[in-house]
Amino acid sequence: MTEDYYEEVLLLRKKLAKFEKLDRLIKHGNPEHSGYFFICGEAGEKDSMGLPEKIMVCPAYGLDGFASYKKDRDYSAPGW
Protein backbone atom coordinates (compact mmCIF):
# COMPACT_ATOMS: atom_id res chain seq x y z
CA MET A 1 0.00 0.00 0.00
CA THR A 2 2.81 2.42 0.83
CA GLU A 3 4.47 1.54 -2.49
CA ASP A 4 1.31 2.63 -4.33
CA TYR A 5 1.41 6.03 -2.62
CA TYR A 6 5.10 6.36 -3.39
CA GLU A 7 4.52 5.71 -7.09
CA GLU A 8 1.64 8.17 -7.12
CA VAL A 9 3.78 10.86 -5.48
CA LEU A 10 6.52 10.31 -8.08
CA LEU A 11 3.98 10.61 -10.89
CA LEU A 12 2.52 13.80 -9.41
CA ARG A 13 6.01 15.31 -9.06
CA LYS A 14 6.70 14.65 -12.74
CA LYS A 15 3.37 16.22 -13.73
CA LEU A 16 4.05 19.24 -11.52
CA ALA A 17 7.49 19.76 -13.07
CA LYS A 18 5.95 19.69 -16.57
CA PHE A 19 3.23 22.10 -15.48
CA GLU A 20 5.76 24.52 -13.97
CA LYS A 21 7.80 24.55 -17.19
CA LEU A 22 4.70 25.15 -19.28
CA ASP A 23 3.47 27.85 -16.88
CA ARG A 24 6.82 29.67 -17.10
CA LEU A 25 6.82 29.38 -20.91
CA ILE A 26 3.32 30.83 -21.17
CA LYS A 27 4.03 33.70 -18.76
CA HIS A 28 7.32 34.75 -20.34
CA GLY A 29 6.16 33.97 -23.88
CA ASN A 30 3.13 36.28 -23.62
CA PRO A 31 4.40 39.25 -21.59
CA GLU A 32 1.68 41.53 -22.94
CA HIS A 33 -0.87 39.41 -21.08
CA SER A 34 1.09 38.11 -18.11
CA GLY A 35 3.16 41.15 -17.10
CA TYR A 36 6.28 39.01 -16.69
CA PHE A 37 9.78 39.94 -17.83
CA PHE A 38 11.08 38.88 -21.21
CA ILE A 39 14.26 38.97 -23.30
CA CYS A 40 13.91 41.91 -25.67
CA GLY A 41 17.29 41.93 -27.41
CA GLU A 42 20.83 40.66 -27.70
CA ALA A 43 24.24 42.20 -28.32
CA GLY A 44 27.78 41.15 -29.05
CA GLU A 45 29.19 38.13 -30.78
CA LYS A 46 27.66 34.69 -30.38
CA ASP A 47 29.70 31.75 -29.13
CA SER A 48 29.82 28.27 -30.68
CA MET A 49 26.53 27.40 -28.93
CA GLY A 50 24.78 30.47 -30.35
CA LEU A 51 24.67 32.36 -27.05
CA PRO A 52 25.19 36.11 -27.32
CA GLU A 53 27.65 38.06 -25.19
CA LYS A 54 24.80 40.14 -23.71
CA ILE A 55 21.01 40.01 -23.51
CA MET A 56 18.56 42.77 -22.75
CA VAL A 57 15.66 42.02 -20.42
CA CYS A 58 12.54 44.16 -20.19
CA PRO A 59 10.86 43.97 -16.74
CA ALA A 60 7.31 44.15 -18.15
CA TYR A 61 5.53 44.66 -21.45
CA GLY A 62 4.98 48.31 -22.33
CA LEU A 63 7.99 49.68 -20.49
CA ASP A 64 10.57 51.55 -22.54
CA GLY A 65 13.71 50.43 -20.71
CA PHE A 66 15.65 47.25 -20.16
CA ALA A 67 18.41 45.72 -18.04
CA SER A 68 21.53 44.37 -19.71
CA TYR A 69 23.01 41.03 -18.60
CA LYS A 70 26.51 39.98 -19.63
CA LYS A 71 27.62 36.36 -19.93
CA ASP A 72 30.35 35.71 -17.36
CA ARG A 73 31.59 32.37 -18.76
CA ASP A 74 31.08 30.07 -21.72
CA TYR A 75 28.52 27.29 -21.71
CA SER A 76 29.69 24.21 -19.88
CA ALA A 77 28.12 20.87 -19.16
CA PRO A 78 28.96 18.18 -16.63
CA GLY A 79 31.81 16.02 -17.87
CA TRP A 80 30.61 12.59 -16.82
PDB file of N, CA and C in Angstrom:
ATOM      1  N   MET A   1       0.821  -1.183   0.000  1.00  0.00           N
ATOM      2  CA  MET A   1       0.000   0.000   0.000  1.00  0.00           C
ATOM      3  C   MET A   1       0.874   1.257   0.000  1.00  0.00           C
ATOM      4  N   THR A   2       1.907   1.279   0.794  1.00  0.00           N
ATOM      5  CA  THR A   2       2.810   2.419   0.834  1.00  0.00           C
ATOM      6  C   THR A   2       3.501   2.589  -0.512  1.00  0.00           C
ATOM      7  N   GLU A   3       3.823   1.483  -1.174  1.00  0.00           N
ATOM      8  CA  GLU A   3       4.469   1.544  -2.487  1.00  0.00           C
ATOM      9  C   GLU A   3       3.569   2.228  -3.508  1.00  0.00           C
ATOM     10  N   ASP A   4       2.250   1.984  -3.416  1.00  0.00           N
ATOM     11  CA  ASP A   4       1.308   2.633  -4.334  1.00  0.00           C
ATOM     12  C   ASP A   4       1.330   4.145  -4.152  1.00  0.00           C
ATOM     13  N   TYR A   5       1.353   4.583  -2.896  1.00  0.00           N
ATOM     14  CA  TYR A   5       1.410   6.026  -2.624  1.00  0.00           C
ATOM     15  C   TYR A   5       2.722   6.624  -3.117  1.00  0.00           C
ATOM     16  N   TYR A   6       3.795   5.896  -2.940  1.00  0.00           N
ATOM     17  CA  TYR A   6       5.100   6.364  -3.385  1.00  0.00           C
ATOM     18  C   TYR A   6       5.104   6.571  -4.895  1.00  0.00           C
ATOM     19  N   GLU A   7       4.598   5.593  -5.631  1.00  0.00           N
ATOM     20  CA  GLU A   7       4.524   5.705  -7.087  1.00  0.00           C
ATOM     21  C   GLU A   7       3.643   6.875  -7.506  1.00  0.00           C
ATOM     22  N   GLU A   8       2.547   7.074  -6.802  1.00  0.00           N
ATOM     23  CA  GLU A   8       1.642   8.169  -7.117  1.00  0.00           C
ATOM     24  C   GLU A   8       2.313   9.526  -6.867  1.00  0.00           C
ATOM     25  N   VAL A   9       3.054   9.623  -5.783  1.00  0.00           N
ATOM     26  CA  VAL A   9       3.777  10.862  -5.481  1.00  0.00           C
ATOM     27  C   VAL A   9       4.815  11.138  -6.564  1.00  0.00           C
ATOM     28  N   LEU A  10       5.538  10.129  -7.009  1.00  0.00           N
ATOM     29  CA  LEU A  10       6.519  10.315  -8.079  1.00  0.00           C
ATOM     30  C   LEU A  10       5.846  10.791  -9.369  1.00  0.00           C
ATOM     31  N   LEU A  11       4.715  10.213  -9.701  1.00  0.00           N
ATOM     32  CA  LEU A  11       3.975  10.611 -10.886  1.00  0.00           C
ATOM     33  C   LEU A  11       3.499  12.055 -10.773  1.00  0.00           C
ATOM     34  N   LEU A  12       2.983  12.431  -9.612  1.00  0.00           N
ATOM     35  CA  LEU A  12       2.518  13.799  -9.405  1.00  0.00           C
ATOM     36  C   LEU A  12       3.667  14.805  -9.476  1.00  0.00           C
ATOM     37  N   ARG A  13       4.832  14.429  -8.983  1.00  0.00           N
ATOM     38  CA  ARG A  13       6.005  15.312  -9.063  1.00  0.00           C
ATOM     39  C   ARG A  13       6.402  15.544 -10.511  1.00  0.00           C
ATOM     40  N   LYS A  14       6.370  14.502 -11.330  1.00  0.00           N
ATOM     41  CA  LYS A  14       6.698  14.647 -12.744  1.00  0.00           C
ATOM     42  C   LYS A  14       5.690  15.564 -13.429  1.00  0.00           C
ATOM     43  N   LYS A  15       4.410  15.378 -13.128  1.00  0.00           N
ATOM     44  CA  LYS A  15       3.372  16.219 -13.731  1.00  0.00           C
ATOM     45  C   LYS A  15       3.526  17.665 -13.291  1.00  0.00           C
ATOM     46  N   LEU A  16       3.860  17.892 -12.031  1.00  0.00           N
ATOM     47  CA  LEU A  16       4.051  19.239 -11.518  1.00  0.00           C
ATOM     48  C   LEU A  16       5.233  19.917 -12.208  1.00  0.00           C
ATOM     49  N   ALA A  17       6.314  19.195 -12.397  1.00  0.00           N
ATOM     50  CA  ALA A  17       7.493  19.760 -13.071  1.00  0.00           C
ATOM     51  C   ALA A  17       7.138  20.174 -14.492  1.00  0.00           C
ATOM     52  N   LYS A  18       6.376  19.353 -15.207  1.00  0.00           N
ATOM     53  CA  LYS A  18       5.954  19.691 -16.566  1.00  0.00           C
ATOM     54  C   LYS A  18       5.041  20.906 -16.552  1.00  0.00           C
ATOM     55  N   PHE A  19       4.140  20.957 -15.590  1.00  0.00           N
ATOM     56  CA  PHE A  19       3.234  22.095 -15.479  1.00  0.00           C
ATOM     57  C   PHE A  19       3.998  23.381 -15.203  1.00  0.00           C
ATOM     58  N   GLU A  20       4.985  23.332 -14.308  1.00  0.00           N
ATOM     59  CA  GLU A  20       5.758  24.522 -13.967  1.00  0.00           C
ATOM     60  C   GLU A  20       6.532  25.033 -15.181  1.00  0.00           C
ATOM     61  N   LYS A  21       7.093  24.136 -15.988  1.00  0.00           N
ATOM     62  CA  LYS A  21       7.803  24.547 -17.193  1.00  0.00           C
ATOM     63  C   LYS A  21       6.846  25.205 -18.184  1.00  0.00           C
ATOM     64  N   LEU A  22       5.695  24.604 -18.369  1.00  0.00           N
ATOM     65  CA  LEU A  22       4.701  25.152 -19.283  1.00  0.00           C
ATOM     66  C   LEU A  22       4.177  26.494 -18.786  1.00  0.00           C
ATOM     67  N   ASP A  23       3.946  26.600 -17.489  1.00  0.00           N
ATOM     68  CA  ASP A  23       3.475  27.849 -16.882  1.00  0.00           C
ATOM     69  C   ASP A  23       4.486  28.973 -17.117  1.00  0.00           C
ATOM     70  N   ARG A  24       5.762  28.684 -16.903  1.00  0.00           N
ATOM     71  CA  ARG A  24       6.820  29.673 -17.104  1.00  0.00           C
ATOM     72  C   ARG A  24       6.891  30.067 -18.585  1.00  0.00           C
ATOM     73  N   LEU A  25       6.780  29.096 -19.476  1.00  0.00           N
ATOM     74  CA  LEU A  25       6.817  29.377 -20.906  1.00  0.00           C
ATOM     75  C   LEU A  25       5.665  30.282 -21.320  1.00  0.00           C
ATOM     76  N   ILE A  26       4.483  30.015 -20.824  1.00  0.00           N
ATOM     77  CA  ILE A  26       3.317  30.830 -21.165  1.00  0.00           C
ATOM     78  C   ILE A  26       3.461  32.246 -20.613  1.00  0.00           C
ATOM     79  N   LYS A  27       3.891  32.377 -19.375  1.00  0.00           N
ATOM     80  CA  LYS A  27       4.031  33.696 -18.759  1.00  0.00           C
ATOM     81  C   LYS A  27       5.077  34.546 -19.455  1.00  0.00           C
ATOM     82  N   HIS A  28       6.243  33.979 -19.727  1.00  0.00           N
ATOM     83  CA  HIS A  28       7.317  34.747 -20.338  1.00  0.00           C
ATOM     84  C   HIS A  28       7.160  34.850 -21.855  1.00  0.00           C
ATOM     85  N   GLY A  29       6.391  33.951 -22.446  1.00  0.00           N
ATOM     86  CA  GLY A  29       6.156  33.971 -23.885  1.00  0.00           C
ATOM     87  C   GLY A  29       5.053  34.926 -24.302  1.00  0.00           C
ATOM     88  N   ASN A  30       4.225  35.347 -23.362  1.00  0.00           N
ATOM     89  CA  ASN A  30       3.130  36.276 -23.625  1.00  0.00           C
ATOM     90  C   ASN A  30       3.172  37.425 -22.624  1.00  0.00           C
ATOM     91  N   PRO A  31       4.255  38.212 -22.621  1.00  0.00           N
ATOM     92  CA  PRO A  31       4.396  39.246 -21.595  1.00  0.00           C
ATOM     93  C   PRO A  31       3.312  40.318 -21.653  1.00  0.00           C
ATOM     94  N   GLU A  32       2.717  40.517 -22.830  1.00  0.00           N
ATOM     95  CA  GLU A  32       1.677  41.532 -22.939  1.00  0.00           C
ATOM     96  C   GLU A  32       0.423  41.156 -22.147  1.00  0.00           C
ATOM     97  N   HIS A  33       0.280  39.870 -21.862  1.00  0.00           N
ATOM     98  CA  HIS A  33      -0.874  39.408 -21.081  1.00  0.00           C
ATOM     99  C   HIS A  33      -0.515  39.069 -19.638  1.00  0.00           C
ATOM    100  N   SER A  34       0.709  38.591 -19.439  1.00  0.00           N
ATOM    101  CA  SER A  34       1.089  38.110 -18.110  1.00  0.00           C
ATOM    102  C   SER A  34       1.757  39.164 -17.237  1.00  0.00           C
ATOM    103  N   GLY A  35       2.432  40.154 -17.868  1.00  0.00           N
ATOM    104  CA  GLY A  35       3.158  41.154 -17.096  1.00  0.00           C
ATOM    105  C   GLY A  35       4.526  40.699 -16.633  1.00  0.00           C
ATOM    106  N   TYR A  36       4.982  39.540 -17.093  1.00  0.00           N
ATOM    107  CA  TYR A  36       6.281  39.011 -16.685  1.00  0.00           C
ATOM    108  C   TYR A  36       7.395  39.565 -17.561  1.00  0.00           C
ATOM    109  N   PHE A  37       8.632  39.462 -17.073  1.00  0.00           N
ATOM    110  CA  PHE A  37       9.781  39.938 -17.827  1.00  0.00           C
ATOM    111  C   PHE A  37      10.030  39.062 -19.047  1.00  0.00           C
ATOM    112  N   PHE A  38      10.775  39.636 -20.008  1.00  0.00           N
ATOM    113  CA  PHE A  38      11.084  38.879 -21.211  1.00  0.00           C
ATOM    114  C   PHE A  38      12.369  39.409 -21.837  1.00  0.00           C
ATOM    115  N   ILE A  39      13.054  38.564 -22.594  1.00  0.00           N
ATOM    116  CA  ILE A  39      14.259  38.967 -23.302  1.00  0.00           C
ATOM    117  C   ILE A  39      13.822  39.785 -24.508  1.00  0.00           C
ATOM    118  N   CYS A  40      14.339  41.017 -24.604  1.00  0.00           N
ATOM    119  CA  CYS A  40      13.907  41.908 -25.672  1.00  0.00           C
ATOM    120  C   CYS A  40      15.015  42.220 -26.668  1.00  0.00           C
ATOM    121  N   GLY A  41      16.213  41.679 -26.464  1.00  0.00           N
ATOM    122  CA  GLY A  41      17.293  41.932 -27.405  1.00  0.00           C
ATOM    123  C   GLY A  41      18.563  41.207 -27.026  1.00  0.00           C
ATOM    124  N   GLU A  42      19.528  41.285 -27.928  1.00  0.00           N
ATOM    125  CA  GLU A  42      20.832  40.661 -27.696  1.00  0.00           C
ATOM    126  C   GLU A  42      21.902  41.555 -28.291  1.00  0.00           C
ATOM    127  N   ALA A  43      23.139  41.390 -27.821  1.00  0.00           N
ATOM    128  CA  ALA A  43      24.240  42.199 -28.323  1.00  0.00           C
ATOM    129  C   ALA A  43      25.534  41.404 -28.247  1.00  0.00           C
ATOM    130  N   GLY A  44      26.476  41.793 -29.059  1.00  0.00           N
ATOM    131  CA  GLY A  44      27.782  41.146 -29.047  1.00  0.00           C
ATOM    132  C   GLY A  44      27.808  39.902 -29.910  1.00  0.00           C
ATOM    133  N   GLU A  45      28.996  39.331 -29.969  1.00  0.00           N
ATOM    134  CA  GLU A  45      29.186  38.133 -30.778  1.00  0.00           C
ATOM    135  C   GLU A  45      28.575  36.914 -30.096  1.00  0.00           C
ATOM    136  N   LYS A  46      28.197  35.942 -30.908  1.00  0.00           N
ATOM    137  CA  LYS A  46      27.661  34.690 -30.381  1.00  0.00           C
ATOM    138  C   LYS A  46      28.769  33.656 -30.302  1.00  0.00           C
ATOM    139  N   ASP A  47      28.702  32.804 -29.279  1.00  0.00           N
ATOM    140  CA  ASP A  47      29.701  31.755 -29.134  1.00  0.00           C
ATOM    141  C   ASP A  47      29.321  30.551 -29.999  1.00  0.00           C
ATOM    142  N   SER A  48      30.054  29.465 -29.859  1.00  0.00           N
ATOM    143  CA  SER A  48      29.819  28.274 -30.675  1.00  0.00           C
ATOM    144  C   SER A  48      28.458  27.628 -30.410  1.00  0.00           C
ATOM    145  N   MET A  49      27.850  27.946 -29.261  1.00  0.00           N
ATOM    146  CA  MET A  49      26.528  27.404 -28.929  1.00  0.00           C
ATOM    147  C   MET A  49      25.406  28.357 -29.355  1.00  0.00           C
ATOM    148  N   GLY A  50      25.771  29.500 -29.906  1.00  0.00           N
ATOM    149  CA  GLY A  50      24.778  30.472 -30.352  1.00  0.00           C
ATOM    150  C   GLY A  50      24.331  31.443 -29.273  1.00  0.00           C
ATOM    151  N   LEU A  51      25.024  31.443 -28.137  1.00  0.00           N
ATOM    152  CA  LEU A  51      24.667  32.356 -27.048  1.00  0.00           C
ATOM    153  C   LEU A  51      25.352  33.703 -27.242  1.00  0.00           C
ATOM    154  N   PRO A  52      24.587  34.797 -27.145  1.00  0.00           N
ATOM    155  CA  PRO A  52      25.187  36.111 -27.324  1.00  0.00           C
ATOM    156  C   PRO A  52      25.982  36.541 -26.092  1.00  0.00           C
ATOM    157  N   GLU A  53      26.848  37.523 -26.293  1.00  0.00           N
ATOM    158  CA  GLU A  53      27.650  38.057 -25.194  1.00  0.00           C
ATOM    159  C   GLU A  53      26.772  38.746 -24.150  1.00  0.00           C
ATOM    160  N   LYS A  54      25.715  39.444 -24.614  1.00  0.00           N
ATOM    161  CA  LYS A  54      24.801  40.142 -23.709  1.00  0.00           C
ATOM    162  C   LYS A  54      23.361  39.914 -24.153  1.00  0.00           C
ATOM    163  N   ILE A  55      22.437  39.988 -23.187  1.00  0.00           N
ATOM    164  CA  ILE A  55      21.011  40.005 -23.506  1.00  0.00           C
ATOM    165  C   ILE A  55      20.382  41.200 -22.790  1.00  0.00           C
ATOM    166  N   MET A  56      19.308  41.694 -23.365  1.00  0.00           N
ATOM    167  CA  MET A  56      18.556  42.768 -22.750  1.00  0.00           C
ATOM    168  C   MET A  56      17.233  42.197 -22.256  1.00  0.00           C
ATOM    169  N   VAL A  57      16.872  42.538 -21.032  1.00  0.00           N
ATOM    170  CA  VAL A  57      15.656  42.023 -20.422  1.00  0.00           C
ATOM    171  C   VAL A  57      14.755  43.188 -20.040  1.00  0.00           C
ATOM    172  N   CYS A  58      13.526  43.140 -20.531  1.00  0.00           N
ATOM    173  CA  CYS A  58      12.537  44.159 -20.191  1.00  0.00           C
ATOM    174  C   CYS A  58      11.735  43.641 -18.990  1.00  0.00           C
ATOM    175  N   PRO A  59      11.554  44.446 -17.936  1.00  0.00           N
ATOM    176  CA  PRO A  59      10.860  43.975 -16.743  1.00  0.00           C
ATOM    177  C   PRO A  59       9.380  43.694 -16.946  1.00  0.00           C
ATOM    178  N   ALA A  60       8.734  44.379 -17.893  1.00  0.00           N
ATOM    179  CA  ALA A  60       7.305  44.149 -18.153  1.00  0.00           C
ATOM    180  C   ALA A  60       6.948  44.761 -19.501  1.00  0.00           C
ATOM    181  N   TYR A  61       5.981  44.179 -20.153  1.00  0.00           N
ATOM    182  CA  TYR A  61       5.534  44.660 -21.455  1.00  0.00           C
ATOM    183  C   TYR A  61       5.036  46.099 -21.350  1.00  0.00           C
ATOM    184  N   GLY A  62       5.418  46.922 -22.317  1.00  0.00           N
ATOM    185  CA  GLY A  62       4.977  48.313 -22.330  1.00  0.00           C
ATOM    186  C   GLY A  62       5.962  49.284 -21.736  1.00  0.00           C
ATOM    187  N   LEU A  63       6.967  48.790 -21.043  1.00  0.00           N
ATOM    188  CA  LEU A  63       7.995  49.678 -20.488  1.00  0.00           C
ATOM    189  C   LEU A  63       9.006  50.004 -21.582  1.00  0.00           C
ATOM    190  N   ASP A  64       9.650  51.142 -21.487  1.00  0.00           N
ATOM    191  CA  ASP A  64      10.572  51.546 -22.539  1.00  0.00           C
ATOM    192  C   ASP A  64      12.038  51.395 -22.153  1.00  0.00           C
ATOM    193  N   GLY A  65      12.329  50.657 -21.130  1.00  0.00           N
ATOM    194  CA  GLY A  65      13.705  50.431 -20.711  1.00  0.00           C
ATOM    195  C   GLY A  65      14.001  48.951 -20.599  1.00  0.00           C
ATOM    196  N   PHE A  66      15.250  48.650 -20.320  1.00  0.00           N
ATOM    197  CA  PHE A  66      15.654  47.253 -20.158  1.00  0.00           C
ATOM    198  C   PHE A  66      16.884  47.176 -19.276  1.00  0.00           C
ATOM    199  N   ALA A  67      17.170  45.999 -18.771  1.00  0.00           N
ATOM    200  CA  ALA A  67      18.405  45.722 -18.038  1.00  0.00           C
ATOM    201  C   ALA A  67      19.289  44.893 -18.959  1.00  0.00           C
ATOM    202  N   SER A  68      20.579  45.097 -18.875  1.00  0.00           N
ATOM    203  CA  SER A  68      21.529  44.369 -19.707  1.00  0.00           C
ATOM    204  C   SER A  68      22.256  43.347 -18.833  1.00  0.00           C
ATOM    205  N   TYR A  69      22.317  42.107 -19.315  1.00  0.00           N
ATOM    206  CA  TYR A  69      23.010  41.035 -18.598  1.00  0.00           C
ATOM    207  C   TYR A  69      24.143  40.520 -19.466  1.00  0.00           C
ATOM    208  N   LYS A  70      25.336  40.424 -18.893  1.00  0.00           N
ATOM    209  CA  LYS A  70      26.510  39.978 -19.628  1.00  0.00           C
ATOM    210  C   LYS A  70      26.883  38.558 -19.202  1.00  0.00           C
ATOM    211  N   LYS A  71      27.203  37.742 -20.188  1.00  0.00           N
ATOM    212  CA  LYS A  71      27.625  36.364 -19.930  1.00  0.00           C
ATOM    213  C   LYS A  71      28.968  36.393 -19.214  1.00  0.00           C
ATOM    214  N   ASP A  72      29.097  35.672 -18.115  1.00  0.00           N
ATOM    215  CA  ASP A  72      30.352  35.706 -17.358  1.00  0.00           C
ATOM    216  C   ASP A  72      31.259  34.515 -17.655  1.00  0.00           C
ATOM    217  N   ARG A  73      30.751  33.505 -18.365  1.00  0.00           N
ATOM    218  CA  ARG A  73      31.591  32.370 -18.762  1.00  0.00           C
ATOM    219  C   ARG A  73      30.876  31.621 -19.893  1.00  0.00           C
ATOM    220  N   ASP A  74      31.640  30.839 -20.623  1.00  0.00           N
ATOM    221  CA  ASP A  74      31.078  30.068 -21.718  1.00  0.00           C
ATOM    222  C   ASP A  74      30.213  28.924 -21.182  1.00  0.00           C
ATOM    223  N   TYR A  75      29.368  28.430 -22.055  1.00  0.00           N
ATOM    224  CA  TYR A  75      28.518  27.290 -21.711  1.00  0.00           C
ATOM    225  C   TYR A  75      29.392  26.102 -21.316  1.00  0.00           C
ATOM    226  N   SER A  76      28.989  25.433 -20.273  1.00  0.00           N
ATOM    227  CA  SER A  76      29.688  24.208 -19.877  1.00  0.00           C
ATOM    228  C   SER A  76      28.679  23.199 -19.390  1.00  0.00           C
ATOM    229  N   ALA A  77      28.986  21.959 -19.591  1.00  0.00           N
ATOM    230  CA  ALA A  77      28.121  20.873 -19.165  1.00  0.00           C
ATOM    231  C   ALA A  77      28.930  19.925 -18.282  1.00  0.00           C
ATOM    232  N   PRO A  78      28.234  19.161 -17.448  1.00  0.00           N
ATOM    233  CA  PRO A  78      28.956  18.185 -16.635  1.00  0.00           C
ATOM    234  C   PRO A  78      29.765  17.233 -17.514  1.00  0.00           C
ATOM    235  N   GLY A  79      30.925  16.854 -17.076  1.00  0.00           N
ATOM    236  CA  GLY A  79      31.812  16.016 -17.873  1.00  0.00           C
ATOM    237  C   GLY A  79      31.765  14.541 -17.532  1.00  0.00           C
ATOM    238  N   TRP A  80      30.635  14.024 -17.148  1.00  0.00           N
ATOM    239  CA  TRP A  80      30.609  12.593 -16.825  1.00  0.00           C
ATOM    240  C   TRP A  80      30.253  11.758 -18.013  1.00  0.00           C
TER     241      TRP A  80
END
